[in-house]
Amino acid sequence: MNAARFIVSGKVQGVWFRASARDEAQALGLRGYAKNLPDGRVEVLVVGDPAAIDRLAAWLRQGPPMAHVDDLERLDAHEDEAGEGFVTA
């Protein structure tokens, strides 16, 4: 198992980014969460297979059709930061 935290900047709130990230993460067998940050960015924390996390990272760089991603930052995370399944907040 591996864990990563992503901070996504751009037009990423109000464009179904969190729900779409959840769907992508679940399809890849990842657990974690996606939540809006007060400054307009989205935080995505995932735990799972490293290759699946890399595939999600590639998706996060594009996001859903209505989103416009300006920047994607990847940070280390701990597996215990994620609960069971994948939730949006």
PDB file of N, CA and C in Angstrom:
ATOM      1  N   MET A   1       0.830  -1.188   0.000  1.00  0.00           N
ATOM      2  CA  MET A   1       0.000   0.000   0.000  1.00  0.00           C
ATOM      3  C   MET A   1       0.871   1.246   0.000  1.00  0.00           C
ATOM      4  N   ASN A   2       0.294   2.292  -0.532  1.00  0.00           N
ATOM      5  CA  ASN A   2       0.964   3.565  -0.629  1.00  0.00           C
ATOM      6  C   ASN A   2      -0.084   4.642  -0.396  1.00  0.00           C
ATOM      7  N   ALA A   3       0.346   5.836  -0.037  1.00  0.00           N
ATOM      8  CA  ALA A   3      -0.583   6.941   0.196  1.00  0.00           C
ATOM      9  C   ALA A   3      -0.023   8.222  -0.400  1.00  0.00           C
ATOM     10  N   ALA A   4      -0.927   9.074  -0.893  1.00  0.00           N
ATOM     11  CA  ALA A   4      -0.521  10.366  -1.437  1.00  0.00           C
ATOM     12  C   ALA A   4      -1.636  11.379  -1.217  1.00  0.00           C
ATOM     13  N   ARG A   5      -1.211  12.627  -1.031  1.00  0.00           N
ATOM     14  CA  ARG A   5      -2.145  13.747  -0.905  1.00  0.00           C
ATOM     15  C   ARG A   5      -1.904  14.663  -2.104  1.00  0.00           C
ATOM     16  N   PHE A   6      -2.975  15.034  -2.770  1.00  0.00           N
ATOM     17  CA  PHE A   6      -2.888  15.922  -3.917  1.00  0.00           C
ATOM     18  C   PHE A   6      -3.629  17.216  -3.602  1.00  0.00           C
ATOM     19  N   ILE A   7      -3.045  18.328  -3.974  1.00  0.00           N
ATOM     20  CA  ILE A   7      -3.700  19.625  -3.867  1.00  0.00           C
ATOM     21  C   ILE A   7      -3.877  20.115  -5.306  1.00  0.00           C
ATOM     22  N   VAL A   8      -5.133  20.302  -5.699  1.00  0.00           N
ATOM     23  CA  VAL A   8      -5.466  20.652  -7.075  1.00  0.00           C
ATOM     24  C   VAL A   8      -5.930  22.103  -7.122  1.00  0.00           C
ATOM     25  N   SER A   9      -5.280  22.903  -7.961  1.00  0.00           N
ATOM     26  CA  SER A   9      -5.606  24.323  -8.100  1.00  0.00           C
ATOM     27  C   SER A   9      -6.204  24.600  -9.469  1.00  0.00           C
ATOM     28  N   GLY A  10      -7.023  25.631  -9.527  1.00  0.00           N
ATOM     29  CA  GLY A  10      -7.645  26.044 -10.778  1.00  0.00           C
ATOM     30  C   GLY A  10      -9.142  26.174 -10.590  1.00  0.00           C
ATOM     31  N   LYS A  11      -9.878  25.969 -11.656  1.00  0.00           N
ATOM     32  CA  LYS A  11     -11.345  25.960 -11.571  1.00  0.00           C
ATOM     33  C   LYS A  11     -11.751  24.534 -11.227  1.00  0.00           C
ATOM     34  N   VAL A  12     -11.750  24.236  -9.918  1.00  0.00           N
ATOM     35  CA  VAL A  12     -11.963  22.865  -9.464  1.00  0.00           C
ATOM     36  C   VAL A  12     -13.082  22.745  -8.428  1.00  0.00           C
ATOM     37  N   GLN A  13     -13.729  23.852  -8.109  1.00  0.00           N
ATOM     38  CA  GLN A  13     -14.885  23.785  -7.229  1.00  0.00           C
ATOM     39  C   GLN A  13     -16.125  24.183  -8.024  1.00  0.00           C
ATOM     40  N   GLY A  14     -17.227  23.481  -7.771  1.00  0.00           N
ATOM     41  CA  GLY A  14     -18.471  23.768  -8.476  1.00  0.00           C
ATOM     42  C   GLY A  14     -18.522  23.177  -9.872  1.00  0.00           C
ATOM     43  N   VAL A  15     -17.636  22.220 -10.163  1.00  0.00           N
ATOM     44  CA  VAL A  15     -17.584  21.611 -11.507  1.00  0.00           C
ATOM     45  C   VAL A  15     -17.579  20.087 -11.417  1.00  0.00           C
ATOM     46  N   TRP A  16     -18.105  19.545 -10.321  1.00  0.00           N
ATOM     47  CA  TRP A  16     -18.192  18.095 -10.114  1.00  0.00           C
ATOM     48  C   TRP A  16     -16.827  17.439  -9.973  1.00  0.00           C
ATOM     49  N   PHE A  17     -15.827  18.186  -9.533  1.00  0.00           N
ATOM     50  CA  PHE A  17     -14.481  17.632  -9.417  1.00  0.00           C
ATOM     51  C   PHE A  17     -14.412  16.549  -8.344  1.00  0.00           C
ATOM     52  N   ARG A  18     -14.938  16.819  -7.156  1.00  0.00           N
ATOM     53  CA  ARG A  18     -14.843  15.842  -6.064  1.00  0.00           C
ATOM     54  C   ARG A  18     -15.578  14.555  -6.393  1.00  0.00           C
ATOM     55  N   ALA A  19     -16.797  14.664  -6.903  1.00  0.00           N
ATOM     56  CA  ALA A  19     -17.572  13.462  -7.238  1.00  0.00           C
ATOM     57  C   ALA A  19     -16.893  12.671  -8.344  1.00  0.00           C
ATOM     58  N   SER A  20     -16.351  13.365  -9.330  1.00  0.00           N
ATOM     59  CA  SER A  20     -15.658  12.680 -10.423  1.00  0.00           C
ATOM     60  C   SER A  20     -14.373  12.027  -9.929  1.00  0.00           C
ATOM     61  N   ALA A  21     -13.657  12.700  -9.027  1.00  0.00           N
ATOM     62  CA  ALA A  21     -12.436  12.120  -8.450  1.00  0.00           C
ATOM     63  C   ALA A  21     -12.791  10.868  -7.653  1.00  0.00           C
ATOM     64  N   ARG A  22     -13.896  10.924  -6.905  1.00  0.00           N
ATOM     65  CA  ARG A  22     -14.348   9.747  -6.157  1.00  0.00           C
ATOM     66  C   ARG A  22     -14.615   8.581  -7.107  1.00  0.00           C
ATOM     67  N   ASP A  23     -15.329   8.846  -8.191  1.00  0.00           N
ATOM     68  CA  ASP A  23     -15.641   7.784  -9.153  1.00  0.00           C
ATOM     69  C   ASP A  23     -14.370   7.181  -9.743  1.00  0.00           C
ATOM     70  N   GLU A  24     -13.417   8.026 -10.107  1.00  0.00           N
ATOM     71  CA  GLU A  24     -12.149   7.544 -10.662  1.00  0.00           C
ATOM     72  C   GLU A  24     -11.378   6.725  -9.632  1.00  0.00           C
ATOM     73  N   ALA A  25     -11.308   7.228  -8.410  1.00  0.00           N
ATOM     74  CA  ALA A  25     -10.578   6.532  -7.352  1.00  0.00           C
ATOM     75  C   ALA A  25     -11.204   5.175  -7.053  1.00  0.00           C
ATOM     76  N   GLN A  26     -12.523   5.130  -6.972  1.00  0.00           N
ATOM     77  CA  GLN A  26     -13.200   3.867  -6.703  1.00  0.00           C
ATOM     78  C   GLN A  26     -12.962   2.873  -7.838  1.00  0.00           C
ATOM     79  N   ALA A  27     -12.988   3.343  -9.070  1.00  0.00           N
ATOM     80  CA  ALA A  27     -12.744   2.464 -10.221  1.00  0.00           C
ATOM     81  C   ALA A  27     -11.330   1.881 -10.177  1.00  0.00           C
ATOM     82  N   LEU A  28     -10.401   2.626  -9.570  1.00  0.00           N
ATOM     83  CA  LEU A  28      -9.015   2.178  -9.455  1.00  0.00           C
ATOM     84  C   LEU A  28      -8.753   1.395  -8.166  1.00  0.00           C
ATOM     85  N   GLY A  29      -9.789   1.217  -7.354  1.00  0.00           N
ATOM     86  CA  GLY A  29      -9.634   0.459  -6.114  1.00  0.00           C
ATOM     87  C   GLY A  29      -8.950   1.222  -5.003  1.00  0.00           C
ATOM     88  N   LEU A  30      -9.007   2.542  -5.049  1.00  0.00           N
ATOM     89  CA  LEU A  30      -8.364   3.374  -4.040  1.00  0.00           C
ATOM     90  C   LEU A  30      -9.364   3.776  -2.963  1.00  0.00           C
ATOM     91  N   ARG A  31      -8.854   4.068  -1.775  1.00  0.00           N
ATOM     92  CA  ARG A  31      -9.703   4.619  -0.728  1.00  0.00           C
ATOM     93  C   ARG A  31      -9.140   5.968  -0.313  1.00  0.00           C
ATOM     94  N   GLY A  32      -9.969   6.790   0.316  1.00  0.00           N
ATOM     95  CA  GLY A  32      -9.524   8.101   0.751  1.00  0.00           C
ATOM     96  C   GLY A  32     -10.640   9.107   0.736  1.00  0.00           C
ATOM     97  N   TYR A  33     -10.311  10.347   0.348  1.00  0.00           N
ATOM     98  CA  TYR A  33     -11.339  11.386   0.318  1.00  0.00           C
ATOM     99  C   TYR A  33     -10.956  12.489  -0.658  1.00  0.00           C
ATOM    100  N   ALA A  34     -11.957  13.291  -1.009  1.00  0.00           N
ATOM    101  CA  ALA A  34     -11.766  14.522  -1.769  1.00  0.00           C
ATOM    102  C   ALA A  34     -12.569  15.598  -1.057  1.00  0.00           C
ATOM    103  N   LYS A  35     -11.936  16.734  -0.792  1.00  0.00           N
ATOM    104  CA  LYS A  35     -12.667  17.800  -0.116  1.00  0.00           C
ATOM    105  C   LYS A  35     -12.253  19.160  -0.657  1.00  0.00           C
ATOM    106  N   ASN A  36     -13.227  20.085  -0.634  1.00  0.00           N
ATOM    107  CA  ASN A  36     -12.952  21.465  -1.002  1.00  0.00           C
ATOM    108  C   ASN A  36     -12.156  22.134   0.104  1.00  0.00           C
ATOM    109  N   LEU A  37     -11.226  22.975  -0.284  1.00  0.00           N
ATOM    110  CA  LEU A  37     -10.475  23.785   0.665  1.00  0.00           C
ATOM    111  C   LEU A  37     -11.023  25.214   0.623  1.00  0.00           C
ATOM    112  N   PRO A  38     -10.923  25.948   1.720  1.00  0.00           N
ATOM    113  CA  PRO A  38     -11.482  27.300   1.777  1.00  0.00           C
ATOM    114  C   PRO A  38     -10.918  28.261   0.720  1.00  0.00           C
ATOM    115  N   ASP A  39      -9.708  27.991   0.235  1.00  0.00           N
ATOM    116  CA  ASP A  39      -9.071  28.890  -0.730  1.00  0.00           C
ATOM    117  C   ASP A  39      -9.424  28.570  -2.181  1.00  0.00           C
ATOM    118  N   GLY A  40     -10.370  27.641  -2.413  1.00  0.00           N
ATOM    119  CA  GLY A  40     -10.809  27.328  -3.778  1.00  0.00           C
ATOM    120  C   GLY A  40     -10.134  26.114  -4.385  1.00  0.00           C
ATOM    121  N   ARG A  41      -9.158  25.543  -3.698  1.00  0.00           N
ATOM    122  CA  ARG A  41      -8.505  24.343  -4.194  1.00  0.00           C
ATOM    123  C   ARG A  41      -9.249  23.106  -3.705  1.00  0.00           C
ATOM    124  N   VAL A  42      -8.866  21.943  -4.220  1.00  0.00           N
ATOM    125  CA  VAL A  42      -9.423  20.667  -3.780  1.00  0.00           C
ATOM    126  C   VAL A  42      -8.278  19.803  -3.282  1.00  0.00           C
ATOM    127  N   GLU A  43      -8.484  19.148  -2.142  1.00  0.00           N
ATOM    128  CA  GLU A  43      -7.529  18.201  -1.589  1.00  0.00           C
ATOM    129  C   GLU A  43      -8.047  16.793  -1.838  1.00  0.00           C
ATOM    130  N   VAL A  44      -7.183  15.930  -2.354  1.00  0.00           N
ATOM    131  CA  VAL A  44      -7.539  14.532  -2.592  1.00  0.00           C
ATOM    132  C   VAL A  44      -6.481  13.676  -1.908  1.00  0.00           C
ATOM    133  N   LEU A  45      -6.914  12.820  -0.990  1.00  0.00           N
ATOM    134  CA  LEU A  45      -6.012  11.900  -0.322  1.00  0.00           C
ATOM    135  C   LEU A  45      -6.404  10.492  -0.741  1.00  0.00           C
ATOM    136  N   VAL A  46      -5.424   9.713  -1.178  1.00  0.00           N
ATOM    137  CA  VAL A  46      -5.712   8.349  -1.620  1.00  0.00           C
ATOM    138  C   VAL A  46      -4.705   7.361  -1.031  1.00  0.00           C
ATOM    139  N   VAL A  47      -5.206   6.142  -0.832  1.00  0.00           N
ATOM    140  CA  VAL A  47      -4.394   5.035  -0.335  1.00  0.00           C
ATOM    141  C   VAL A  47      -4.676   3.843  -1.223  1.00  0.00           C
ATOM    142  N   GLY A  48      -3.609   3.150  -1.635  1.00  0.00           N
ATOM    143  CA  GLY A  48      -3.786   1.960  -2.449  1.00  0.00           C
ATOM    144  C   GLY A  48      -2.533   1.610  -3.216  1.00  0.00           C
ATOM    145  N   ASP A  49      -2.734   0.876  -4.288  1.00  0.00           N
ATOM    146  CA  ASP A  49      -1.646   0.430  -5.139  1.00  0.00           C
ATOM    147  C   ASP A  49      -0.931   1.639  -5.759  1.00  0.00           C
ATOM    148  N   PRO A  50       0.401   1.689  -5.710  1.00  0.00           N
ATOM    149  CA  PRO A  50       1.136   2.832  -6.266  1.00  0.00           C
ATOM    150  C   PRO A  50       0.819   3.109  -7.742  1.00  0.00           C
ATOM    151  N   ALA A  51       0.656   2.073  -8.541  1.00  0.00           N
ATOM    152  CA  ALA A  51       0.336   2.285  -9.960  1.00  0.00           C
ATOM    153  C   ALA A  51      -1.041   2.921 -10.114  1.00  0.00           C
ATOM    154  N   ALA A  52      -1.989   2.520  -9.276  1.00  0.00           N
ATOM    155  CA  ALA A  52      -3.333   3.106  -9.322  1.00  0.00           C
ATOM    156  C   ALA A  52      -3.287   4.571  -8.883  1.00  0.00           C
ATOM    157  N   ILE A  53      -2.471   4.880  -7.896  1.00  0.00           N
ATOM    158  CA  ILE A  53      -2.323   6.272  -7.465  1.00  0.00           C
ATOM    159  C   ILE A  53      -1.733   7.110  -8.589  1.00  0.00           C
ATOM    160  N   ASP A  54      -0.758   6.568  -9.308  1.00  0.00           N
ATOM    161  CA  ASP A  54      -0.179   7.293 -10.443  1.00  0.00           C
ATOM    162  C   ASP A  54      -1.220   7.530 -11.535  1.00  0.00           C
ATOM    163  N   ARG A  55      -2.091   6.550 -11.777  1.00  0.00           N
ATOM    164  CA  ARG A  55      -3.146   6.722 -12.788  1.00  0.00           C
ATOM    165  C   ARG A  55      -4.141   7.795 -12.345  1.00  0.00           C
ATOM    166  N   LEU A  56      -4.469   7.814 -11.048  1.00  0.00           N
ATOM    167  CA  LEU A  56      -5.358   8.863 -10.561  1.00  0.00           C
ATOM    168  C   LEU A  56      -4.683  10.226 -10.679  1.00  0.00           C
ATOM    169  N   ALA A  57      -3.403  10.305 -10.386  1.00  0.00           N
ATOM    170  CA  ALA A  57      -2.678  11.574 -10.519  1.00  0.00           C
ATOM    171  C   ALA A  57      -2.775  12.100 -11.944  1.00  0.00           C
ATOM    172  N   ALA A  58      -2.633  11.218 -12.926  1.00  0.00           N
ATOM    173  CA  ALA A  58      -2.755  11.634 -14.326  1.00  0.00           C
ATOM    174  C   ALA A  58      -4.157  12.172 -14.596  1.00  0.00           C
ATOM    175  N   TRP A  59      -5.179  11.522 -14.027  1.00  0.00           N
ATOM    176  CA  TRP A  59      -6.555  11.995 -14.214  1.00  0.00           C
ATOM    177  C   TRP A  59      -6.743  13.353 -13.535  1.00  0.00           C
ATOM    178  N   LEU A  60      -6.187  13.513 -12.330  1.00  0.00           N
ATOM    179  CA  LEU A  60      -6.341  14.772 -11.599  1.00  0.00           C
ATOM    180  C   LEU A  60      -5.750  15.953 -12.352  1.00  0.00           C
ATOM    181  N   ARG A  61      -4.745  15.717 -13.152  1.00  0.00           N
ATOM    182  CA  ARG A  61      -4.139  16.808 -13.932  1.00  0.00           C
ATOM    183  C   ARG A  61      -5.117  17.377 -14.954  1.00  0.00           C
ATOM    184  N   GLN A  62      -6.118  16.577 -15.337  1.00  0.00           N
ATOM    185  CA  GLN A  62      -7.127  17.016 -16.308  1.00  0.00           C
ATOM    186  C   GLN A  62      -8.457  17.325 -15.625  1.00  0.00           C
ATOM    187  N   GLY A  63      -8.890  16.427 -14.733  1.00  0.00           N
ATOM    188  CA  GLY A  63     -10.162  16.591 -14.057  1.00  0.00           C
ATOM    189  C   GLY A  63     -11.337  16.332 -14.978  1.00  0.00           C
ATOM    190  N   PRO A  64     -12.551  16.583 -14.492  1.00  0.00           N
ATOM    191  CA  PRO A  64     -13.747  16.384 -15.305  1.00  0.00           C
ATOM    192  C   PRO A  64     -13.861  17.474 -16.372  1.00  0.00           C
ATOM    193  N   PRO A  65     -14.758  17.303 -17.335  1.00  0.00           N
ATOM    194  CA  PRO A  65     -14.840  18.226 -18.475  1.00  0.00           C
ATOM    195  C   PRO A  65     -14.997  19.705 -18.121  1.00  0.00           C
ATOM    196  N   MET A  66     -15.732  20.045 -17.082  1.00  0.00           N
ATOM    197  CA  MET A  66     -15.971  21.460 -16.763  1.00  0.00           C
ATOM    198  C   MET A  66     -14.848  22.088 -15.936  1.00  0.00           C
ATOM    199  N   ALA A  67     -13.902  21.287 -15.471  1.00  0.00           N
ATOM    200  CA  ALA A  67     -12.804  21.794 -14.642  1.00  0.00           C
ATOM    201  C   ALA A  67     -11.671  22.332 -15.504  1.00  0.00           C
ATOM    202  N   HIS A  68     -10.873  23.172 -14.887  1.00  0.00           N
ATOM    203  CA  HIS A  68      -9.629  23.649 -15.514  1.00  0.00           C
ATOM    204  C   HIS A  68      -8.548  23.601 -14.431  1.00  0.00           C
ATOM    205  N   VAL A  69      -7.639  22.632 -14.549  1.00  0.00           N
ATOM    206  CA  VAL A  69      -6.589  22.444 -13.549  1.00  0.00           C
ATOM    207  C   VAL A  69      -5.377  23.285 -13.927  1.00  0.00           C
ATOM    208  N   ASP A  70      -4.985  24.168 -13.011  1.00  0.00           N
ATOM    209  CA  ASP A  70      -3.791  24.992 -13.206  1.00  0.00           C
ATOM    210  C   ASP A  70      -2.544  24.338 -12.621  1.00  0.00           C
ATOM    211  N   ASP A  71      -2.714  23.632 -11.506  1.00  0.00           N
ATOM    212  CA  ASP A  71      -1.553  23.056 -10.833  1.00  0.00           C
ATOM    213  C   ASP A  71      -1.985  21.836 -10.027  1.00  0.00           C
ATOM    214  N   LEU A  72      -1.106  20.849  -9.966  1.00  0.00           N
ATOM    215  CA  LEU A  72      -1.324  19.660  -9.158  1.00  0.00           C
ATOM    216  C   LEU A  72      -0.077  19.439  -8.314  1.00  0.00           C
ATOM    217  N   GLU A  73      -0.246  19.493  -7.007  1.00  0.00           N
ATOM    218  CA  GLU A  73       0.857  19.269  -6.080  1.00  0.00           C
ATOM    219  C   GLU A  73       0.668  17.906  -5.429  1.00  0.00           C
ATOM    220  N   ARG A  74       1.727  17.101  -5.392  1.00  0.00           N
ATOM    221  CA  ARG A  74       1.667  15.782  -4.761  1.00  0.00           C
ATOM    222  C   ARG A  74       2.523  15.791  -3.506  1.00  0.00           C
ATOM    223  N   LEU A  75       1.921  15.358  -2.396  1.00  0.00           N
ATOM    224  CA  LEU A  75       2.598  15.325  -1.104  1.00  0.00           C
ATOM    225  C   LEU A  75       2.509  13.917  -0.532  1.00  0.00           C
ATOM    226  N   ASP A  76       3.429  13.588   0.341  1.00  0.00           N
ATOM    227  CA  ASP A  76       3.359  12.308   1.038  1.00  0.00           C
ATOM    228  C   ASP A  76       2.179  12.324   2.001  1.00  0.00           C
ATOM    229  N   ALA A  77       1.646  11.157   2.264  1.00  0.00           N
ATOM    230  CA  ALA A  77       0.555  11.003   3.225  1.00  0.00           C
ATOM    231  C   ALA A  77       0.735   9.675   3.933  1.00  0.00           C
ATOM    232  N   HIS A  78      -0.065   9.451   4.969  1.00  0.00           N
ATOM    233  CA  HIS A  78      -0.029   8.212   5.730  1.00  0.00           C
ATOM    234  C   HIS A  78      -1.315   7.438   5.486  1.00  0.00           C
ATOM    235  N   GLU A  79      -1.188   6.131   5.411  1.00  0.00           N
ATOM    236  CA  GLU A  79      -2.345   5.279   5.161  1.00  0.00           C
ATOM    237  C   GLU A  79      -3.444   5.484   6.182  1.00  0.00           C
ATOM    238  N   ASP A  80      -3.083   5.759   7.425  1.00  0.00           N
ATOM    239  CA  ASP A  80      -4.100   5.896   8.475  1.00  0.00           C
ATOM    240  C   ASP A  80      -4.915   7.183   8.377  1.00  0.00           C
ATOM    241  N   GLU A  81      -4.581   8.057   7.433  1.00  0.00           N
ATOM    242  CA  GLU A  81      -5.352   9.288   7.237  1.00  0.00           C
ATOM    243  C   GLU A  81      -6.655   9.032   6.473  1.00  0.00           C
ATOM    244  N   ALA A  82      -6.751   7.884   5.806  1.00  0.00           N
ATOM    245  CA  ALA A  82      -7.941   7.547   5.021  1.00  0.00           C
ATOM    246  C   ALA A  82      -8.778   6.528   5.773  1.00  0.00           C
ATOM    247  N   GLY A  83     -10.063   6.681   5.688  1.00  0.00           N
ATOM    248  CA  GLY A  83     -10.957   5.693   6.274  1.00  0.00           C
ATOM    249  C   GLY A  83     -11.208   4.573   5.284  1.00  0.00           C
ATOM    250  N   GLU A  84     -12.314   3.901   5.472  1.00  0.00           N
ATOM    251  CA  GLU A  84     -12.709   2.848   4.534  1.00  0.00           C
ATOM    252  C   GLU A  84     -13.433   3.494   3.356  1.00  0.00           C
ATOM    253  N   GLY A  85     -13.240   2.968   2.176  1.00  0.00           N
ATOM    254  CA  GLY A  85     -13.927   3.494   1.003  1.00  0.00           C
ATOM    255  C   GLY A  85     -13.386   4.830   0.587  1.00  0.00           C
ATOM    256  N   PHE A  86     -14.199   5.585  -0.150  1.00  0.00           N
ATOM    257  CA  PHE A  86     -13.800   6.907  -0.621  1.00  0.00           C
ATOM    258  C   PHE A  86     -14.967   7.846  -0.392  1.00  0.00           C
ATOM    259  N   VAL A  87     -14.717   8.958   0.274  1.00  0.00           N
ATOM    260  CA  VAL A  87     -15.779   9.905   0.600  1.00  0.00           C
ATOM    261  C   VAL A  87     -15.457  11.294   0.040  1.00  0.00           C
ATOM    262  N   THR A  88     -16.499  12.092  -0.121  1.00  0.00           N
ATOM    263  CA  THR A  88     -16.323  13.493  -0.488  1.00  0.00           C
ATOM    264  C   THR A  88     -16.826  14.337   0.677  1.00  0.00           C
ATOM    265  N   ALA A  89     -16.168  15.448   0.901  1.00  0.00           N
ATOM    266  CA  ALA A  89     -16.568  16.337   1.997  1.00  0.00           C
ATOM    267  C   ALA A  89     -16.660  17.756   1.486  1.00  0.00           C
TER     268      ALA A  89
END
